[in-house]
Amino acid sequence: MEISLFILQILNLSSFLIKVKNMNEHSLRNGLSTVQNRKIQLITIGIVLLIITCTVIVIPIVLLTKHNTQIETTRAISITTIATTTTITTLFKINLSNTSVRSWNPNGITIAAGNGQGNKTNQLSRPIGFYIDDKTIYIADSGNNRIVQWEFNATYGKIITESTGRNQLSNPTDVVLDKKNQSIIICDEANRRIIRWSIENSDQQEIIISNRNCFSLVIDNQRYLYVSNPIKNEIRKWNLEDSNNDGIIVAGGFGEGTNENHFNYPTFFFLDQHFSLYITDRNNNRAMKWFKNATKGILIAENIGQNKVINSHDPTGVILDRFHQIFIADRFTNRIVRWHENRDRRPVIIVGYGNGADMHCLNRPHDVSFDTDDNLYVVDTDNHRIQKYLFNK
């Protein structure tokens, strides 16, 4: 194709030169000198020879270069296609591992109590919150006004708080482990105080915060204790080394309401590595996220209507998995629901298929947690037991 174009250009040039020659002859008839005419002819012939020479040399080079370019372009396209395919496959695998493919066995395993409501060492009575440390569970046994330590696969629990005396607990709702001091910290809800209790010596107790309503507790890696206050509709934090003060409000504190800076009975919450709080706002039937130093929250889960497939009604426990998916215990609907923080996907029921005592059922669940193997744990409050749901690997 390129050779044809060059030949056509040469023919056009030759036609032009003939015209020039005729013009030259006409010029001679008009009196131009023979010397001038000869000079023009020589220049014209030189130009033609130069064009022919360039054509003969340049065309093969152009064709060869184009051929090599096509080869390299084809090779580049092939490599890009392979690389793109690999990238898509990798991303697809990542998405599969952290979205709806992740599932749990719907039939729970009872790992603590499950022997009916009672105060024996193999029983619980309306447990509310718990804390899992390796292979040990610390349970706020609310109906029995005590904290129970339960080893995995054990038949009986160990009572680590006394049930009588000056420091008798009244409706404890949550417990966290303070590893530094080998003690537990308890939300003594009905007594409006927070107590530190030694694990090794039950006679060692200390009221670290008094005259405060509380429901749920979290300790961060800087040894700050976070406390939810459903009556004041706020969450505060205290330095565990100096808790003799009013603490610092980190979420809420603007009274009861439905706006983004309000709560209506906040209960459980989760603290992530960036010090953002994920809070269940129970009477507003929603969950909110408060960034560190924020003055209002962001809605991350809500009641989307009684006629919808999923709704968040009376939410309690909340936790994030390692893929930043949000798991919320819906106390009224007796199930654990997974929500996505950006709310661009429908929530999914993870466990809890009906109200009852069967292994696939729950009865007023409260707190939720994970272990390092992604197994899910639920405080099944009105079944008076702790349930474990195995992760489907």
Protein backbone atom coordinates (compact mmCIF):
# COMPACT_ATOMS: atom_id res chain seq x y z
CA MET A 1 0.00 0.00 0.00
CA GLU A 2 2.83 2.39 0.89
CA ILE A 3 4.74 1.60 -2.39
CA SER A 4 1.64 2.40 -4.47
CA LEU A 5 1.30 5.74 -2.76
CA PHE A 6 4.96 6.59 -3.42
CA ILE A 7 4.67 5.62 -7.12
CA LEU A 8 1.54 7.76 -7.43
CA GLN A 9 3.42 10.66 -5.90
CA ILE A 10 6.31 10.17 -8.40
CA LEU A 11 3.88 10.15 -11.34
CA ASN A 12 2.27 13.31 -10.08
CA LEU A 13 5.72 14.87 -9.74
CA SER A 14 6.67 13.80 -13.25
CA SER A 15 3.52 15.40 -14.61
CA PHE A 16 4.42 18.52 -12.74
CA LEU A 17 7.95 18.50 -14.22
CA ILE A 18 6.56 18.11 -17.76
CA LYS A 19 4.44 21.16 -17.14
CA VAL A 20 7.53 22.95 -15.88
CA LYS A 21 9.40 21.91 -19.04
CA ASN A 22 6.60 23.21 -21.26
CA MET A 23 6.65 26.40 -19.28
CA ASN A 24 10.39 26.57 -19.87
CA GLU A 25 9.92 26.14 -23.62
CA HIS A 26 7.33 28.84 -23.57
CA SER A 27 9.79 30.98 -21.67
CA LEU A 28 12.38 30.41 -24.38
CA ARG A 29 9.92 31.55 -26.98
CA ASN A 30 9.48 34.65 -24.92
CA GLY A 31 13.14 35.42 -24.96
CA LEU A 32 14.64 33.56 -22.00
CA SER A 33 18.21 32.62 -22.57
CA THR A 34 19.28 29.06 -23.40
CA VAL A 35 21.61 28.99 -20.37
CA GLN A 36 18.84 29.76 -17.95
CA ASN A 37 16.62 27.09 -19.50
CA ARG A 38 19.39 24.51 -19.22
CA LYS A 39 19.99 25.39 -15.56
CA ILE A 40 16.32 24.85 -14.72
CA GLN A 41 16.32 21.50 -16.50
CA LEU A 42 19.39 20.32 -14.56
CA ILE A 43 17.84 21.34 -11.23
CA THR A 44 14.62 19.52 -12.13
CA ILE A 45 16.43 16.32 -13.09
CA GLY A 46 18.41 16.46 -9.81
CA ILE A 47 15.22 16.74 -7.76
CA VAL A 48 13.70 13.74 -9.58
CA LEU A 49 16.81 11.63 -8.98
CA LEU A 50 16.86 12.60 -5.31
CA ILE A 51 13.20 11.60 -4.86
CA ILE A 52 13.75 8.23 -6.58
CA THR A 53 16.81 7.51 -4.44
CA CYS A 54 15.00 8.35 -1.22
CA THR A 55 12.04 6.21 -2.26
CA VAL A 56 14.20 3.16 -2.92
CA ILE A 57 16.00 3.49 0.43
CA VAL A 58 13.20 4.71 2.73
CA ILE A 59 10.32 2.38 1.74
CA PRO A 60 12.02 -0.87 2.90
CA ILE A 61 13.04 0.80 6.15
CA VAL A 62 9.48 2.04 6.80
CA LEU A 63 7.98 -1.35 6.03
CA LEU A 64 10.46 -3.16 8.27
CA THR A 65 9.88 -0.71 11.10
CA LYS A 66 6.12 -1.08 10.81
CA HIS A 67 6.42 -4.86 10.82
CA ASN A 68 8.50 -4.81 14.00
CA THR A 69 6.10 -2.32 15.59
CA GLN A 70 3.16 -4.62 14.83
CA ILE A 71 4.99 -7.51 16.44
CA GLU A 72 5.83 -5.48 19.54
CA THR A 73 2.30 -4.09 19.72
CA THR A 74 0.79 -7.55 19.45
CA ARG A 75 3.15 -8.82 22.12
CA ALA A 76 2.31 -5.89 24.38
CA ILE A 77 -1.41 -6.47 23.94
CA SER A 78 -0.98 -10.13 24.79
CA ILE A 79 1.01 -9.32 27.92
CA THR A 80 -1.54 -6.69 28.97
CA THR A 81 -4.37 -9.16 28.44
CA ILE A 82 -2.64 -11.75 30.59
CA ALA A 83 -1.85 -9.22 33.30
CA THR A 84 -5.40 -7.89 33.31
CA THR A 85 -6.87 -11.37 33.53
CA THR A 86 -4.61 -12.19 36.47
CA THR A 87 -5.57 -8.99 38.27
CA ILE A 88 -9.29 -9.59 37.83
CA THR A 89 -8.94 -13.15 39.09
CA THR A 90 -7.04 -11.98 42.19
CA LEU A 91 -9.58 -9.29 43.02
CA PHE A 92 -12.41 -11.76 42.54
CA LYS A 93 -10.82 -14.12 45.04
CA ILE A 94 -10.45 -11.30 47.56
CA ASN A 95 -14.07 -10.31 47.13
CA LEU A 96 -15.19 -13.88 47.55
CA SER A 97 -13.40 -14.14 50.86
CA ASN A 98 -14.88 -11.06 52.48
CA THR A 99 -18.46 -10.77 51.28
CA SER A 100 -21.54 -12.94 51.05
CA VAL A 101 -19.50 -16.13 50.53
CA ARG A 102 -18.40 -16.01 54.17
CA SER A 103 -20.88 -18.07 56.17
CA TRP A 104 -21.35 -19.90 59.45
CA ASN A 105 -22.98 -23.17 60.39
CA PRO A 106 -26.55 -22.19 61.31
CA ASN A 107 -26.66 -24.77 64.11
CA GLY A 108 -24.96 -23.44 67.19
CA ILE A 109 -22.92 -25.35 69.75
CA THR A 110 -23.58 -24.62 73.41
CA ILE A 111 -20.23 -23.96 75.07
CA ALA A 112 -21.43 -22.54 78.39
CA ALA A 113 -24.47 -23.54 80.48
CA GLY A 114 -27.52 -24.57 78.47
CA ASN A 115 -28.96 -26.46 81.44
CA GLY A 116 -31.92 -24.20 82.00
CA GLN A 117 -32.16 -21.05 84.07
CA GLY A 118 -30.64 -21.35 87.53
CA ASN A 119 -27.83 -20.42 89.90
CA LYS A 120 -25.85 -23.66 89.92
CA THR A 121 -22.31 -23.64 88.56
CA ASN A 122 -23.48 -25.31 85.33
CA GLN A 123 -26.26 -22.75 84.83
CA LEU A 124 -26.75 -19.11 83.93
CA SER A 125 -29.64 -16.72 84.38
CA ARG A 126 -30.19 -14.12 81.67
CA PRO A 127 -26.54 -13.39 80.79
CA ILE A 128 -26.02 -10.06 79.01
CA GLY A 129 -22.40 -9.31 78.10
CA PHE A 130 -19.24 -11.39 77.89
CA TYR A 131 -15.53 -11.24 77.16
CA ILE A 132 -13.56 -13.95 75.32
CA ASP A 133 -9.86 -14.34 76.09
CA ASP A 134 -8.18 -17.18 74.25
CA LYS A 135 -10.00 -20.26 75.63
CA THR A 136 -11.74 -18.55 78.55
CA ILE A 137 -15.07 -16.72 78.63
CA TYR A 138 -16.00 -14.17 81.29
CA ILE A 139 -19.78 -13.87 81.50
CA ALA A 140 -21.93 -11.15 83.07
CA ASP A 141 -24.54 -13.49 84.59
CA SER A 142 -27.03 -10.73 85.13
CA GLY A 143 -29.91 -12.67 86.66
CA ASN A 144 -27.60 -14.26 89.24
CA ASN A 145 -25.79 -10.98 90.01
CA ARG A 146 -22.38 -12.52 89.39
CA ILE A 147 -19.50 -12.95 86.96
CA VAL A 148 -18.69 -16.49 85.83
CA GLN A 149 -15.42 -17.69 84.34
CA TRP A 150 -15.99 -20.55 81.90
CA GLU A 151 -13.24 -22.51 80.20
CA PHE A 152 -13.92 -23.84 76.71
CA ASN A 153 -15.41 -27.35 76.74
CA ALA A 154 -15.92 -27.19 80.50
CA THR A 155 -19.08 -28.59 82.07
CA TYR A 156 -19.11 -26.10 84.95
CA GLY A 157 -18.18 -22.49 85.37
CA LYS A 158 -16.21 -20.80 88.15
CA ILE A 159 -17.84 -17.97 90.10
CA ILE A 160 -15.25 -15.23 90.54
CA THR A 161 -17.36 -12.58 92.30
CA GLU A 162 -19.17 -12.89 95.59
CA SER A 163 -22.94 -12.63 95.67
CA THR A 164 -23.29 -11.11 99.14
CA GLY A 165 -21.71 -8.30 101.14
CA ARG A 166 -20.89 -4.65 100.52
CA ASN A 167 -19.66 -5.20 96.97
CA GLN A 168 -22.53 -7.42 95.93
CA LEU A 169 -23.30 -6.96 92.25
CA SER A 170 -26.75 -6.02 91.03
CA ASN A 171 -27.65 -6.76 87.42
CA PRO A 172 -24.13 -6.69 85.92
CA THR A 173 -24.42 -6.12 82.18
CA ASP A 174 -20.84 -6.34 80.91
CA VAL A 175 -17.32 -7.39 81.83
CA VAL A 176 -13.85 -6.82 80.31
CA LEU A 177 -10.46 -8.27 81.16
CA ASP A 178 -7.65 -6.02 82.39
CA LYS A 179 -4.67 -8.23 81.64
CA LYS A 180 -2.14 -5.84 83.11
CA ASN A 181 -3.62 -6.13 86.59
CA GLN A 182 -5.00 -9.67 86.24
CA SER A 183 -8.44 -8.37 87.03
CA ILE A 184 -11.84 -7.93 85.46
CA ILE A 185 -13.76 -4.66 85.20
CA ILE A 186 -17.50 -4.93 85.66
CA CYS A 187 -20.43 -2.71 84.76
CA ASP A 188 -22.52 -3.01 87.93
CA GLU A 189 -25.55 -1.53 86.22
CA ALA A 190 -28.20 -1.39 88.97
CA ASN A 191 -25.66 -0.07 91.49
CA ARG A 192 -24.54 2.65 89.03
CA ARG A 193 -20.86 1.95 89.34
CA ILE A 194 -17.88 0.25 87.72
CA ILE A 195 -15.80 -2.17 89.78
CA ARG A 196 -12.37 -3.71 89.32
CA TRP A 197 -12.25 -7.26 90.66
CA SER A 198 -9.13 -9.39 91.06
CA ILE A 199 -9.23 -12.77 89.32
CA GLU A 200 -6.66 -14.31 91.63
CA ASN A 201 -8.04 -12.92 94.88
CA SER A 202 -11.80 -12.36 95.06
CA ASP A 203 -11.36 -10.30 98.25
CA GLN A 204 -9.65 -7.56 96.26
CA GLN A 205 -12.23 -5.19 94.79
CA GLU A 206 -12.09 -1.53 93.92
CA ILE A 207 -14.81 0.87 92.83
CA ILE A 208 -13.09 2.84 90.08
CA ILE A 209 -16.10 4.88 88.85
CA SER A 210 -19.13 5.60 91.01
CA ASN A 211 -22.53 7.24 90.54
CA ARG A 212 -22.53 6.53 86.82
CA ASN A 213 -25.06 4.65 84.73
CA CYS A 214 -23.40 2.12 82.49
CA PHE A 215 -24.17 -0.75 80.16
CA SER A 216 -21.14 -1.81 78.08
CA LEU A 217 -17.35 -1.54 78.49
CA VAL A 218 -14.28 -1.52 76.23
CA ILE A 219 -10.57 -1.03 77.02
CA ASP A 220 -8.32 0.33 74.26
CA ASN A 221 -4.58 -0.24 73.76
CA GLN A 222 -3.76 3.01 75.55
CA ARG A 223 -5.54 1.82 78.70
CA TYR A 224 -8.58 4.02 78.37
CA LEU A 225 -11.87 2.57 79.56
CA TYR A 226 -14.91 3.39 77.38
CA VAL A 227 -18.35 3.25 79.00
CA SER A 228 -21.79 3.53 77.39
CA ASN A 229 -24.42 5.39 79.37
CA PRO A 230 -27.93 4.70 78.01
CA ILE A 231 -29.57 7.12 80.42
CA LYS A 232 -27.34 10.08 79.51
CA ASN A 233 -27.24 8.94 75.85
CA GLU A 234 -23.47 9.16 75.64
CA ILE A 235 -20.19 7.28 75.70
CA ARG A 236 -17.32 8.50 77.85
CA LYS A 237 -13.76 7.33 78.37
CA TRP A 238 -11.54 7.31 81.44
CA ASN A 239 -7.83 6.77 81.88
CA LEU A 240 -7.59 3.58 83.93
CA GLU A 241 -4.59 5.00 85.77
CA ASP A 242 -6.59 8.07 86.82
CA SER A 243 -10.34 7.52 86.79
CA ASN A 244 -11.22 9.92 89.60
CA ASN A 245 -12.81 12.47 87.30
CA ASP A 246 -15.76 12.98 84.98
CA GLY A 247 -14.10 11.37 81.98
CA ILE A 248 -14.27 12.62 78.38
CA ILE A 249 -17.33 12.40 76.14
CA VAL A 250 -16.41 10.61 72.90
CA ALA A 251 -19.90 10.11 71.42
CA GLY A 252 -23.28 11.67 72.06
CA GLY A 253 -23.80 13.91 75.05
CA PHE A 254 -26.44 16.01 73.26
CA GLY A 255 -29.44 14.39 74.85
CA GLU A 256 -32.09 12.04 73.56
CA GLY A 257 -33.23 12.31 69.94
CA THR A 258 -33.06 10.98 66.42
CA ASN A 259 -30.57 13.39 64.85
CA GLU A 260 -27.03 12.32 63.91
CA ASN A 261 -25.61 13.70 67.18
CA HIS A 262 -28.29 12.08 69.34
CA PHE A 263 -28.93 8.67 70.85
CA ASN A 264 -31.91 6.99 72.40
CA TYR A 265 -30.58 4.35 74.78
CA PRO A 266 -27.16 3.35 73.37
CA THR A 267 -26.05 -0.03 74.68
CA PHE A 268 -23.20 -2.07 73.18
CA PHE A 269 -20.42 -0.64 71.02
CA PHE A 270 -17.24 -1.69 69.24
CA LEU A 271 -13.98 0.26 69.07
CA ASP A 272 -11.78 -0.23 66.00
CA GLN A 273 -8.02 0.34 65.58
CA HIS A 274 -8.63 3.94 64.45
CA PHE A 275 -10.62 4.68 67.62
CA SER A 276 -13.88 4.89 65.71
CA LEU A 277 -16.94 3.72 67.62
CA TYR A 278 -19.72 1.52 66.23
CA ILE A 279 -22.71 1.94 68.54
CA THR A 280 -26.11 0.27 68.72
CA ASP A 281 -28.70 2.98 69.33
CA ARG A 282 -31.36 0.62 70.63
CA ASN A 283 -34.55 2.66 70.89
CA ASN A 284 -33.82 4.36 67.55
CA ASN A 285 -33.45 0.89 65.96
CA ARG A 286 -30.16 1.79 64.31
CA ALA A 287 -26.37 1.61 64.57
CA MET A 288 -24.12 4.65 64.26
CA LYS A 289 -20.42 5.16 63.58
CA TRP A 290 -18.59 7.95 65.37
CA PHE A 291 -15.11 8.80 64.16
CA LYS A 292 -12.51 9.93 66.66
CA ASN A 293 -13.18 13.56 67.76
CA ALA A 294 -16.43 13.67 65.76
CA THR A 295 -19.40 15.79 66.88
CA LYS A 296 -21.99 13.62 65.16
CA GLY A 297 -22.36 10.07 63.94
CA ILE A 298 -22.90 8.38 60.59
CA LEU A 299 -25.79 5.99 60.08
CA ILE A 300 -24.51 2.49 59.20
CA ALA A 301 -27.55 0.29 59.94
CA GLU A 302 -31.19 1.15 60.43
CA ASN A 303 -34.72 -0.14 60.67
CA ILE A 304 -35.66 -0.37 57.00
CA GLY A 305 -39.29 -1.18 57.60
CA GLN A 306 -41.51 -3.91 58.94
CA ASN A 307 -42.48 -5.03 55.43
CA LYS A 308 -38.90 -5.53 54.30
CA VAL A 309 -36.92 -8.76 54.38
CA ILE A 310 -34.46 -7.44 56.98
CA ASN A 311 -34.92 -4.79 59.60
CA SER A 312 -32.90 -3.79 62.61
CA HIS A 313 -35.27 -3.89 65.56
CA ASP A 314 -34.02 -3.51 69.12
CA PRO A 315 -30.32 -3.93 68.22
CA THR A 316 -27.92 -4.84 71.01
CA GLY A 317 -24.46 -6.39 70.49
CA VAL A 318 -22.24 -5.17 67.67
CA ILE A 319 -18.82 -6.19 66.34
CA LEU A 320 -16.71 -5.86 63.19
CA ASP A 321 -14.93 -8.78 61.60
CA ARG A 322 -11.48 -8.44 60.03
CA PHE A 323 -13.08 -7.43 56.71
CA HIS A 324 -14.90 -4.50 58.33
CA GLN A 325 -18.31 -6.09 58.00
CA ILE A 326 -20.68 -5.22 60.82
CA PHE A 327 -22.48 -7.90 62.83
CA ILE A 328 -25.42 -6.82 64.96
CA ALA A 329 -27.57 -8.80 67.39
CA ASP A 330 -31.25 -8.04 66.83
CA ARG A 331 -32.82 -8.84 70.16
CA PHE A 332 -36.44 -8.56 69.04
CA THR A 333 -36.08 -10.66 65.88
CA ASN A 334 -33.75 -13.25 67.50
CA ARG A 335 -30.97 -13.24 64.93
CA ILE A 336 -27.52 -11.95 64.07
CA VAL A 337 -27.43 -9.78 60.95
CA ARG A 338 -24.44 -8.73 58.86
CA TRP A 339 -24.44 -5.19 57.53
CA HIS A 340 -22.00 -3.43 55.21
CA GLU A 341 -20.67 -0.10 56.40
CA ASN A 342 -21.38 1.72 53.12
CA ARG A 343 -24.92 0.24 53.07
CA ASP A 344 -24.72 -0.46 49.32
CA ARG A 345 -25.67 -4.12 49.85
CA ARG A 346 -28.61 -5.79 51.50
CA PRO A 347 -28.05 -7.01 55.06
CA VAL A 348 -27.83 -10.77 55.50
CA ILE A 349 -29.08 -13.03 58.29
CA ILE A 350 -26.04 -14.93 59.57
CA VAL A 351 -27.50 -17.07 62.38
CA GLY A 352 -30.79 -17.21 64.24
CA TYR A 353 -33.76 -18.66 62.39
CA GLY A 354 -36.67 -18.33 64.76
CA ASN A 355 -37.35 -17.88 68.44
CA GLY A 356 -36.70 -20.99 70.50
CA ALA A 357 -34.20 -23.25 72.21
CA ASP A 358 -33.24 -25.37 69.20
CA MET A 359 -29.65 -25.18 67.98
CA HIS A 360 -30.63 -22.98 65.00
CA CYS A 361 -32.71 -20.64 67.17
CA LEU A 362 -32.00 -17.75 69.52
CA ASN A 363 -34.04 -16.11 72.28
CA ARG A 364 -33.27 -12.45 72.94
CA PRO A 365 -29.57 -12.45 71.97
CA HIS A 366 -27.38 -9.69 73.34
CA ASP A 367 -23.60 -9.62 72.98
CA VAL A 368 -21.57 -11.02 70.03
CA SER A 369 -17.87 -11.76 69.48
CA PHE A 370 -15.36 -13.61 67.29
CA ASP A 371 -12.35 -15.76 68.01
CA THR A 372 -9.15 -15.86 65.96
CA ASP A 373 -10.58 -18.58 63.72
CA ASP A 374 -13.59 -16.41 62.77
CA ASN A 375 -16.01 -18.53 64.80
CA LEU A 376 -18.96 -16.49 66.02
CA TYR A 377 -20.11 -16.38 69.67
CA VAL A 378 -23.49 -15.15 70.89
CA VAL A 379 -24.93 -14.51 74.34
CA ASP A 380 -28.31 -16.25 73.99
CA THR A 381 -29.87 -14.41 76.91
CA ASP A 382 -33.30 -15.93 77.42
CA ASN A 383 -32.01 -19.42 76.63
CA HIS A 384 -29.47 -18.85 79.44
CA ARG A 385 -26.49 -20.07 77.43
CA ILE A 386 -23.52 -19.08 75.25
CA GLN A 387 -23.62 -20.31 71.65
CA LYS A 388 -20.74 -20.89 69.24
CA TYR A 389 -21.23 -20.93 65.47
CA LEU A 390 -18.47 -22.54 63.45
CA PHE A 391 -17.10 -20.62 60.49
CA ASN A 392 -17.49 -22.46 57.18
CA LYS A 393 -13.93 -22.54 55.83
